[in-house]
Amino acid sequence: MLRDKNLAPLSRQHQHALALCVRLDRALRAGSPDLEAWQGEIQQLYEAEVAVHFVAEEKIVFVAAARFAELRSLVEELLGEHALLRSLCSASAERKLNEPDLRSLAQTLSAHIRKEERQLFEEMQKRISPDELTILGASLDEALAAAARLCALPREATKLRPGSDGPRRG
C-alpha cells in the first residue's frame, strides 16, 4: 500500500534513521568502527530529528491508533521500543556504548521502523478516514516543524569510502 501523504513526513524521517542503521551495520561488519564518531552521529541525529519524531508519534499517531482495540497492543510495543531507543541514544550521548551496544541499537531501531511502517501505518491507513488523516497530517506538520527537514550530514569519520564497507581512516 502506498504511504498516505499525511504520514509521509514520518516515513521520510524513517529513511534517514534507516540509512544510519545500514551504514552502522556495514561499519560494524568491517570491524573496529570509530565508537566515538558513531556515538556522536547517533547523538546528532537523535537531537536533530528523532527526539521530536518520537514525541510527534506518541502524542499524535499513537493516540489516533490506540482508538482501535486491535492496534492497542502494537502501540504499547512501540512505546516500549521508544523507551529502549531513548535509553540507548542517551547512553550514546554519554559515549557509553560498545560495539555490541551499537549493533543492538541499529538492529532495534531498524526493526522498530519497519514495524511502524509495515504494521502501524498500514493499519491506520485502512481504519482512519481521509479527512481524519488530513487533520492528523496537519498536526504532524506542526509537531515536526522543530525537527531538521534534511538528514544531517555524516561526520567524516563515519563516512564510507566508495566501494568499501569500512569507515574512512585518517
N, C-alpha and C. Protein backbone atom coordinates (compact mmCIF):
# COMPACT_ATOMS: atom_id res chain seq x y z
N MET A 1 0.84 -1.17 0.00
CA MET A 1 0.00 0.00 0.00
C MET A 1 0.89 1.24 0.00
N LEU A 2 0.51 2.23 -0.77
CA LEU A 2 1.25 3.48 -0.79
C LEU A 2 1.05 4.23 0.52
N ARG A 3 2.10 4.96 0.91
CA ARG A 3 2.02 5.73 2.15
C ARG A 3 1.16 6.97 1.93
N ASP A 4 0.18 7.17 2.79
CA ASP A 4 -0.65 8.36 2.74
C ASP A 4 0.23 9.58 2.91
N LYS A 5 -0.05 10.63 2.14
CA LYS A 5 0.79 11.84 2.18
C LYS A 5 0.86 12.46 3.56
N ASN A 6 -0.12 12.20 4.40
CA ASN A 6 -0.14 12.78 5.74
C ASN A 6 0.80 12.06 6.71
N LEU A 7 1.19 10.84 6.38
CA LEU A 7 2.16 10.10 7.18
C LEU A 7 3.56 10.15 6.55
N ALA A 8 3.64 10.67 5.34
CA ALA A 8 4.91 10.70 4.60
C ALA A 8 6.04 11.43 5.33
N PRO A 9 5.78 12.53 6.06
CA PRO A 9 6.91 13.17 6.76
C PRO A 9 7.59 12.23 7.76
N LEU A 10 6.81 11.40 8.43
CA LEU A 10 7.40 10.43 9.35
C LEU A 10 8.19 9.38 8.57
N SER A 11 7.65 8.95 7.44
CA SER A 11 8.35 7.96 6.62
C SER A 11 9.67 8.50 6.09
N ARG A 12 9.71 9.78 5.74
CA ARG A 12 10.98 10.37 5.28
C ARG A 12 12.00 10.36 6.41
N GLN A 13 11.56 10.70 7.61
CA GLN A 13 12.48 10.65 8.74
C GLN A 13 12.91 9.22 9.03
N HIS A 14 12.02 8.27 8.84
CA HIS A 14 12.38 6.86 9.00
C HIS A 14 13.52 6.51 8.03
N GLN A 15 13.46 7.03 6.81
CA GLN A 15 14.51 6.74 5.84
C GLN A 15 15.87 7.25 6.33
N HIS A 16 15.88 8.42 6.95
CA HIS A 16 17.14 8.96 7.49
C HIS A 16 17.72 8.01 8.54
N ALA A 17 16.87 7.56 9.44
CA ALA A 17 17.34 6.67 10.51
C ALA A 17 17.75 5.31 9.96
N LEU A 18 17.01 4.80 8.97
CA LEU A 18 17.39 3.52 8.36
C LEU A 18 18.73 3.63 7.64
N ALA A 19 18.99 4.76 7.01
CA ALA A 19 20.29 4.95 6.35
C ALA A 19 21.42 4.88 7.37
N LEU A 20 21.21 5.50 8.53
CA LEU A 20 22.22 5.41 9.59
C LEU A 20 22.42 3.96 10.01
N CYS A 21 21.32 3.22 10.18
CA CYS A 21 21.42 1.81 10.59
C CYS A 21 22.21 0.98 9.59
N VAL A 22 21.96 1.19 8.31
CA VAL A 22 22.67 0.44 7.26
C VAL A 22 24.16 0.77 7.29
N ARG A 23 24.50 2.06 7.38
CA ARG A 23 25.90 2.45 7.40
C ARG A 23 26.59 1.94 8.66
N LEU A 24 25.90 1.99 9.79
CA LEU A 24 26.48 1.50 11.04
C LEU A 24 26.69 -0.01 10.97
N ASP A 25 25.73 -0.73 10.42
CA ASP A 25 25.87 -2.18 10.27
C ASP A 25 27.08 -2.52 9.40
N ARG A 26 27.26 -1.80 8.30
CA ARG A 26 28.41 -2.03 7.42
C ARG A 26 29.72 -1.77 8.15
N ALA A 27 29.76 -0.69 8.92
CA ALA A 27 30.98 -0.35 9.66
C ALA A 27 31.28 -1.42 10.71
N LEU A 28 30.26 -1.91 11.37
CA LEU A 28 30.46 -2.95 12.39
C LEU A 28 30.96 -4.25 11.75
N ARG A 29 30.42 -4.58 10.58
CA ARG A 29 30.86 -5.79 9.88
C ARG A 29 32.31 -5.67 9.40
N ALA A 30 32.70 -4.45 9.05
CA ALA A 30 34.08 -4.22 8.59
C ALA A 30 35.08 -4.31 9.74
N GLY A 31 34.58 -4.14 10.97
CA GLY A 31 35.43 -4.27 12.14
C GLY A 31 36.04 -2.96 12.60
N SER A 32 36.23 -2.88 13.89
CA SER A 32 36.86 -1.73 14.55
C SER A 32 36.29 -0.37 14.15
N PRO A 33 34.98 -0.19 14.32
CA PRO A 33 34.41 1.12 14.00
C PRO A 33 34.87 2.17 15.01
N ASP A 34 34.88 3.40 14.60
CA ASP A 34 35.24 4.52 15.47
C ASP A 34 34.04 4.78 16.40
N LEU A 35 34.09 4.20 17.59
CA LEU A 35 32.95 4.28 18.52
C LEU A 35 32.59 5.72 18.85
N GLU A 36 33.57 6.55 19.07
CA GLU A 36 33.32 7.95 19.40
C GLU A 36 32.56 8.64 18.27
N ALA A 37 33.02 8.47 17.05
CA ALA A 37 32.39 9.12 15.91
C ALA A 37 30.96 8.63 15.70
N TRP A 38 30.76 7.31 15.80
CA TRP A 38 29.41 6.77 15.60
C TRP A 38 28.46 7.25 16.69
N GLN A 39 28.93 7.26 17.92
CA GLN A 39 28.06 7.73 19.00
C GLN A 39 27.73 9.21 18.82
N GLY A 40 28.70 9.97 18.32
CA GLY A 40 28.44 11.38 18.03
C GLY A 40 27.40 11.54 16.94
N GLU A 41 27.47 10.72 15.91
CA GLU A 41 26.49 10.80 14.83
C GLU A 41 25.10 10.39 15.31
N ILE A 42 25.04 9.36 16.13
CA ILE A 42 23.75 8.94 16.69
C ILE A 42 23.16 10.07 17.53
N GLN A 43 23.99 10.67 18.35
CA GLN A 43 23.54 11.79 19.18
C GLN A 43 23.03 12.94 18.30
N GLN A 44 23.76 13.24 17.25
CA GLN A 44 23.38 14.33 16.34
C GLN A 44 22.02 14.06 15.70
N LEU A 45 21.80 12.86 15.17
CA LEU A 45 20.52 12.52 14.54
C LEU A 45 19.40 12.53 15.57
N TYR A 46 19.69 11.99 16.75
CA TYR A 46 18.66 11.97 17.80
C TYR A 46 18.22 13.39 18.17
N GLU A 47 19.18 14.24 18.41
CA GLU A 47 18.86 15.60 18.83
C GLU A 47 18.22 16.43 17.72
N ALA A 48 18.64 16.21 16.47
CA ALA A 48 18.13 16.99 15.35
C ALA A 48 16.77 16.53 14.87
N GLU A 49 16.46 15.24 15.04
CA GLU A 49 15.26 14.73 14.39
C GLU A 49 14.49 13.70 15.21
N VAL A 50 15.17 12.72 15.74
CA VAL A 50 14.49 11.57 16.34
C VAL A 50 13.72 11.94 17.60
N ALA A 51 14.27 12.78 18.45
CA ALA A 51 13.58 13.14 19.69
C ALA A 51 12.22 13.77 19.39
N VAL A 52 12.19 14.71 18.45
CA VAL A 52 10.94 15.37 18.08
C VAL A 52 10.01 14.37 17.38
N HIS A 53 10.59 13.51 16.56
CA HIS A 53 9.84 12.47 15.85
C HIS A 53 9.10 11.56 16.84
N PHE A 54 9.82 11.10 17.87
CA PHE A 54 9.20 10.23 18.87
C PHE A 54 8.03 10.92 19.56
N VAL A 55 8.21 12.17 19.95
CA VAL A 55 7.15 12.91 20.64
C VAL A 55 5.94 13.06 19.72
N ALA A 56 6.18 13.38 18.45
CA ALA A 56 5.07 13.53 17.50
C ALA A 56 4.32 12.21 17.34
N GLU A 57 5.04 11.12 17.24
CA GLU A 57 4.37 9.82 17.13
C GLU A 57 3.56 9.54 18.39
N GLU A 58 4.15 9.77 19.55
CA GLU A 58 3.48 9.43 20.80
C GLU A 58 2.25 10.29 21.06
N LYS A 59 2.31 11.57 20.76
CA LYS A 59 1.21 12.48 21.06
C LYS A 59 0.14 12.52 19.98
N ILE A 60 0.51 12.15 18.76
CA ILE A 60 -0.45 12.27 17.65
C ILE A 60 -0.79 10.90 17.06
N VAL A 61 0.21 10.22 16.53
CA VAL A 61 -0.03 8.97 15.80
C VAL A 61 -0.49 7.86 16.72
N PHE A 62 0.23 7.64 17.82
CA PHE A 62 -0.13 6.55 18.72
C PHE A 62 -1.48 6.78 19.37
N VAL A 63 -1.80 8.02 19.68
CA VAL A 63 -3.11 8.34 20.27
C VAL A 63 -4.21 8.01 19.27
N ALA A 64 -4.01 8.39 18.01
CA ALA A 64 -5.02 8.09 16.97
C ALA A 64 -5.15 6.58 16.77
N ALA A 65 -4.03 5.87 16.77
CA ALA A 65 -4.06 4.42 16.56
C ALA A 65 -4.70 3.69 17.73
N ALA A 66 -4.45 4.15 18.94
CA ALA A 66 -4.95 3.47 20.15
C ALA A 66 -6.47 3.53 20.26
N ARG A 67 -7.11 4.34 19.46
CA ARG A 67 -8.59 4.35 19.44
C ARG A 67 -9.13 3.01 18.96
N PHE A 68 -8.32 2.26 18.24
CA PHE A 68 -8.74 0.98 17.68
C PHE A 68 -8.20 -0.15 18.54
N ALA A 69 -9.09 -0.93 19.09
CA ALA A 69 -8.71 -2.01 20.02
C ALA A 69 -7.65 -2.92 19.43
N GLU A 70 -7.76 -3.21 18.14
CA GLU A 70 -6.81 -4.14 17.51
C GLU A 70 -5.41 -3.55 17.33
N LEU A 71 -5.25 -2.26 17.56
CA LEU A 71 -3.92 -1.64 17.44
C LEU A 71 -3.29 -1.29 18.79
N ARG A 72 -4.04 -1.43 19.86
CA ARG A 72 -3.53 -1.02 21.18
C ARG A 72 -2.29 -1.77 21.61
N SER A 73 -2.24 -3.07 21.42
CA SER A 73 -1.04 -3.83 21.85
C SER A 73 0.17 -3.44 21.01
N LEU A 74 -0.03 -3.17 19.73
CA LEU A 74 1.06 -2.71 18.87
C LEU A 74 1.57 -1.34 19.35
N VAL A 75 0.66 -0.45 19.69
CA VAL A 75 1.06 0.87 20.21
C VAL A 75 1.86 0.71 21.50
N GLU A 76 1.45 -0.18 22.38
CA GLU A 76 2.19 -0.42 23.63
C GLU A 76 3.60 -0.94 23.34
N GLU A 77 3.71 -1.86 22.38
CA GLU A 77 5.04 -2.36 21.98
C GLU A 77 5.92 -1.22 21.48
N LEU A 78 5.35 -0.38 20.62
CA LEU A 78 6.11 0.72 20.05
C LEU A 78 6.54 1.72 21.11
N LEU A 79 5.68 1.97 22.08
CA LEU A 79 6.05 2.86 23.19
C LEU A 79 7.21 2.29 23.99
N GLY A 80 7.18 0.99 24.23
CA GLY A 80 8.29 0.33 24.93
C GLY A 80 9.58 0.43 24.14
N GLU A 81 9.49 0.29 22.82
CA GLU A 81 10.67 0.41 21.97
C GLU A 81 11.21 1.84 21.98
N HIS A 82 10.31 2.82 22.01
CA HIS A 82 10.76 4.22 22.12
C HIS A 82 11.56 4.41 23.40
N ALA A 83 11.09 3.85 24.50
CA ALA A 83 11.81 3.98 25.78
C ALA A 83 13.20 3.35 25.68
N LEU A 84 13.28 2.16 25.10
CA LEU A 84 14.58 1.49 24.94
C LEU A 84 15.50 2.30 24.04
N LEU A 85 14.98 2.79 22.92
CA LEU A 85 15.80 3.56 21.99
C LEU A 85 16.25 4.88 22.61
N ARG A 86 15.39 5.53 23.39
CA ARG A 86 15.81 6.74 24.09
C ARG A 86 16.97 6.44 25.04
N SER A 87 16.87 5.32 25.74
CA SER A 87 17.92 4.93 26.67
C SER A 87 19.24 4.68 25.94
N LEU A 88 19.18 3.99 24.81
CA LEU A 88 20.39 3.73 24.02
C LEU A 88 20.98 5.03 23.47
N CYS A 89 20.12 5.93 23.01
CA CYS A 89 20.60 7.22 22.49
C CYS A 89 21.21 8.07 23.61
N SER A 90 20.64 7.99 24.79
CA SER A 90 21.19 8.71 25.93
C SER A 90 22.57 8.16 26.29
N ALA A 91 22.70 6.84 26.29
CA ALA A 91 24.00 6.22 26.56
C ALA A 91 25.00 6.58 25.47
N SER A 92 24.53 6.70 24.25
CA SER A 92 25.40 7.11 23.15
C SER A 92 25.89 8.53 23.36
N ALA A 93 25.00 9.42 23.78
CA ALA A 93 25.40 10.82 24.04
C ALA A 93 26.44 10.90 25.14
N GLU A 94 26.38 9.95 26.07
CA GLU A 94 27.36 9.90 27.16
C GLU A 94 28.59 9.08 26.79
N ARG A 95 28.60 8.59 25.54
CA ARG A 95 29.69 7.78 24.99
C ARG A 95 29.93 6.52 25.82
N LYS A 96 28.84 5.85 26.15
CA LYS A 96 28.91 4.63 26.97
C LYS A 96 28.64 3.36 26.18
N LEU A 97 28.47 3.45 24.86
CA LEU A 97 28.14 2.26 24.09
C LEU A 97 29.40 1.59 23.55
N ASN A 98 29.39 0.26 23.57
CA ASN A 98 30.46 -0.52 22.95
C ASN A 98 29.93 -1.09 21.62
N GLU A 99 30.72 -1.89 20.94
CA GLU A 99 30.29 -2.42 19.65
C GLU A 99 28.99 -3.23 19.72
N PRO A 100 28.86 -4.16 20.69
CA PRO A 100 27.59 -4.89 20.77
C PRO A 100 26.39 -3.95 21.03
N ASP A 101 26.60 -2.91 21.82
CA ASP A 101 25.52 -1.95 22.07
C ASP A 101 25.14 -1.22 20.78
N LEU A 102 26.13 -0.83 19.99
CA LEU A 102 25.85 -0.15 18.72
C LEU A 102 25.09 -1.08 17.77
N ARG A 103 25.49 -2.34 17.76
CA ARG A 103 24.79 -3.33 16.92
C ARG A 103 23.34 -3.47 17.39
N SER A 104 23.14 -3.54 18.69
CA SER A 104 21.80 -3.65 19.24
C SER A 104 20.96 -2.43 18.89
N LEU A 105 21.55 -1.25 19.00
CA LEU A 105 20.83 -0.02 18.66
C LEU A 105 20.40 -0.04 17.20
N ALA A 106 21.31 -0.39 16.30
CA ALA A 106 20.99 -0.41 14.87
C ALA A 106 19.90 -1.43 14.56
N GLN A 107 20.00 -2.61 15.16
CA GLN A 107 19.00 -3.65 14.90
C GLN A 107 17.65 -3.28 15.49
N THR A 108 17.65 -2.74 16.70
CA THR A 108 16.41 -2.35 17.36
C THR A 108 15.72 -1.23 16.62
N LEU A 109 16.48 -0.22 16.24
CA LEU A 109 15.90 0.92 15.52
C LEU A 109 15.35 0.49 14.17
N SER A 110 16.10 -0.32 13.45
CA SER A 110 15.65 -0.80 12.14
C SER A 110 14.36 -1.61 12.25
N ALA A 111 14.32 -2.54 13.18
CA ALA A 111 13.12 -3.36 13.37
C ALA A 111 11.93 -2.50 13.81
N HIS A 112 12.18 -1.52 14.66
CA HIS A 112 11.13 -0.63 15.14
C HIS A 112 10.52 0.16 13.97
N ILE A 113 11.37 0.72 13.14
CA ILE A 113 10.88 1.50 11.99
C ILE A 113 10.06 0.62 11.06
N ARG A 114 10.55 -0.56 10.78
CA ARG A 114 9.82 -1.46 9.89
C ARG A 114 8.46 -1.85 10.47
N LYS A 115 8.40 -2.01 11.79
CA LYS A 115 7.12 -2.33 12.45
C LYS A 115 6.15 -1.16 12.30
N GLU A 116 6.64 0.05 12.49
CA GLU A 116 5.76 1.21 12.33
C GLU A 116 5.26 1.32 10.89
N GLU A 117 6.18 1.18 9.94
CA GLU A 117 5.82 1.33 8.53
C GLU A 117 4.90 0.21 8.04
N ARG A 118 5.28 -1.03 8.33
CA ARG A 118 4.57 -2.17 7.75
C ARG A 118 3.31 -2.57 8.52
N GLN A 119 3.28 -2.26 9.80
CA GLN A 119 2.12 -2.65 10.59
C GLN A 119 1.26 -1.46 10.99
N LEU A 120 1.84 -0.55 11.76
CA LEU A 120 1.04 0.56 12.29
C LEU A 120 0.49 1.46 11.18
N PHE A 121 1.36 1.99 10.34
CA PHE A 121 0.90 2.92 9.32
C PHE A 121 -0.06 2.26 8.34
N GLU A 122 0.24 1.04 7.95
CA GLU A 122 -0.66 0.32 7.03
C GLU A 122 -2.05 0.16 7.63
N GLU A 123 -2.10 -0.26 8.89
CA GLU A 123 -3.39 -0.47 9.54
C GLU A 123 -4.13 0.85 9.77
N MET A 124 -3.39 1.90 10.11
CA MET A 124 -4.04 3.20 10.30
C MET A 124 -4.66 3.69 9.00
N GLN A 125 -3.96 3.52 7.89
CA GLN A 125 -4.48 3.96 6.61
C GLN A 125 -5.76 3.21 6.23
N LYS A 126 -5.90 1.99 6.69
CA LYS A 126 -7.11 1.22 6.42
C LYS A 126 -8.28 1.67 7.30
N ARG A 127 -7.98 2.13 8.51
CA ARG A 127 -9.03 2.39 9.50
C ARG A 127 -9.43 3.86 9.63
N ILE A 128 -8.53 4.77 9.32
CA ILE A 128 -8.80 6.19 9.54
C ILE A 128 -9.27 6.82 8.23
N SER A 129 -10.31 7.61 8.31
CA SER A 129 -10.87 8.26 7.11
C SER A 129 -9.87 9.26 6.52
N PRO A 130 -10.00 9.54 5.23
CA PRO A 130 -9.13 10.53 4.60
C PRO A 130 -9.19 11.90 5.30
N ASP A 131 -10.35 12.32 5.73
CA ASP A 131 -10.47 13.61 6.43
C ASP A 131 -9.70 13.59 7.75
N GLU A 132 -9.82 12.49 8.49
CA GLU A 132 -9.08 12.37 9.75
C GLU A 132 -7.57 12.32 9.52
N LEU A 133 -7.15 11.65 8.45
CA LEU A 133 -5.73 11.60 8.12
C LEU A 133 -5.20 13.00 7.77
N THR A 134 -6.03 13.80 7.12
CA THR A 134 -5.62 15.17 6.79
C THR A 134 -5.42 15.98 8.07
N ILE A 135 -6.31 15.82 9.02
CA ILE A 135 -6.17 16.52 10.31
C ILE A 135 -4.93 16.02 11.04
N LEU A 136 -4.73 14.71 11.04
CA LEU A 136 -3.54 14.12 11.66
C LEU A 136 -2.28 14.67 10.99
N GLY A 137 -2.28 14.76 9.67
CA GLY A 137 -1.13 15.28 8.93
C GLY A 137 -0.81 16.71 9.29
N ALA A 138 -1.83 17.54 9.45
CA ALA A 138 -1.61 18.94 9.83
C ALA A 138 -0.99 19.02 11.22
N SER A 139 -1.46 18.17 12.12
CA SER A 139 -0.89 18.13 13.47
C SER A 139 0.56 17.68 13.45
N LEU A 140 0.86 16.70 12.60
CA LEU A 140 2.24 16.22 12.47
C LEU A 140 3.14 17.30 11.89
N ASP A 141 2.66 18.01 10.88
CA ASP A 141 3.47 19.09 10.29
C ASP A 141 3.85 20.11 11.35
N GLU A 142 2.89 20.46 12.18
CA GLU A 142 3.15 21.43 13.25
C GLU A 142 4.15 20.87 14.27
N ALA A 143 3.96 19.61 14.66
CA ALA A 143 4.82 18.99 15.67
C ALA A 143 6.24 18.77 15.16
N LEU A 144 6.38 18.49 13.88
CA LEU A 144 7.69 18.19 13.31
C LEU A 144 8.45 19.44 12.86
N ALA A 145 7.81 20.59 12.93
CA ALA A 145 8.45 21.82 12.49
C ALA A 145 9.75 22.09 13.24
N ALA A 146 9.86 21.61 14.47
CA ALA A 146 11.07 21.82 15.27
C ALA A 146 12.22 20.92 14.83
N ALA A 147 11.92 19.88 14.08
CA ALA A 147 12.97 18.94 13.64
C ALA A 147 13.61 19.42 12.35
N ALA A 148 14.85 19.08 12.16
CA ALA A 148 15.53 19.41 10.91
C ALA A 148 14.83 18.69 9.77
N ARG A 149 14.62 19.37 8.65
CA ARG A 149 13.94 18.79 7.49
C ARG A 149 14.86 17.89 6.66
N LEU A 150 16.14 18.11 6.77
CA LEU A 150 17.08 17.32 5.99
C LEU A 150 17.92 16.47 6.90
N CYS A 151 18.31 15.32 6.40
CA CYS A 151 19.18 14.44 7.17
C CYS A 151 20.51 15.13 7.41
N ALA A 152 20.98 15.08 8.64
CA ALA A 152 22.28 15.67 8.96
C ALA A 152 23.37 14.93 8.20
N LEU A 153 24.36 15.67 7.78
CA LEU A 153 25.47 15.04 7.07
C LEU A 153 26.28 14.20 8.03
N PRO A 154 26.71 13.03 7.60
CA PRO A 154 27.52 12.19 8.49
C PRO A 154 28.86 12.85 8.78
N ARG A 155 29.36 12.55 9.94
CA ARG A 155 30.69 13.06 10.29
C ARG A 155 31.72 12.36 9.45
N GLU A 156 32.83 13.01 9.21
CA GLU A 156 33.88 12.49 8.34
C GLU A 156 34.32 11.08 8.74
N ALA A 157 34.47 10.83 10.01
CA ALA A 157 34.99 9.53 10.47
C ALA A 157 34.00 8.40 10.23
N THR A 158 32.72 8.70 9.98
CA THR A 158 31.75 7.63 9.80
C THR A 158 31.34 7.46 8.34
N LYS A 159 31.90 8.26 7.44
CA LYS A 159 31.60 8.11 6.02
C LYS A 159 32.30 6.86 5.50
N LEU A 160 31.66 6.23 4.54
CA LEU A 160 32.28 5.06 3.91
C LEU A 160 32.98 5.49 2.63
N ARG A 161 34.09 4.86 2.38
CA ARG A 161 34.77 5.08 1.11
C ARG A 161 33.93 4.46 0.01
N PRO A 162 33.90 5.07 -1.18
CA PRO A 162 33.17 4.44 -2.30
C PRO A 162 33.66 3.02 -2.53
N GLY A 163 32.73 2.10 -2.62
CA GLY A 163 33.08 0.72 -2.86
C GLY A 163 33.61 -0.02 -1.65
N SER A 164 33.51 0.59 -0.48
CA SER A 164 34.05 -0.01 0.74
C SER A 164 32.94 -0.18 1.76
N ASP A 165 33.14 -1.08 2.68
CA ASP A 165 32.20 -1.25 3.78
C ASP A 165 32.75 -0.73 5.09
N GLY A 166 33.90 -0.10 5.04
CA GLY A 166 34.53 0.37 6.27
C GLY A 166 34.56 1.88 6.35
N PRO A 167 34.77 2.38 7.56
CA PRO A 167 34.85 3.83 7.74
C PRO A 167 36.12 4.37 7.11
N ARG A 168 36.07 5.62 6.73
CA ARG A 168 37.25 6.31 6.22
C ARG A 168 38.25 6.46 7.34
N ARG A 169 39.47 6.22 7.08
CA ARG A 169 40.53 6.34 8.08
C ARG A 169 41.41 7.54 7.72
N GLY A 170 41.84 8.21 8.78
CA GLY A 170 42.87 9.11 8.63
C GLY A 170 42.86 10.43 8.19
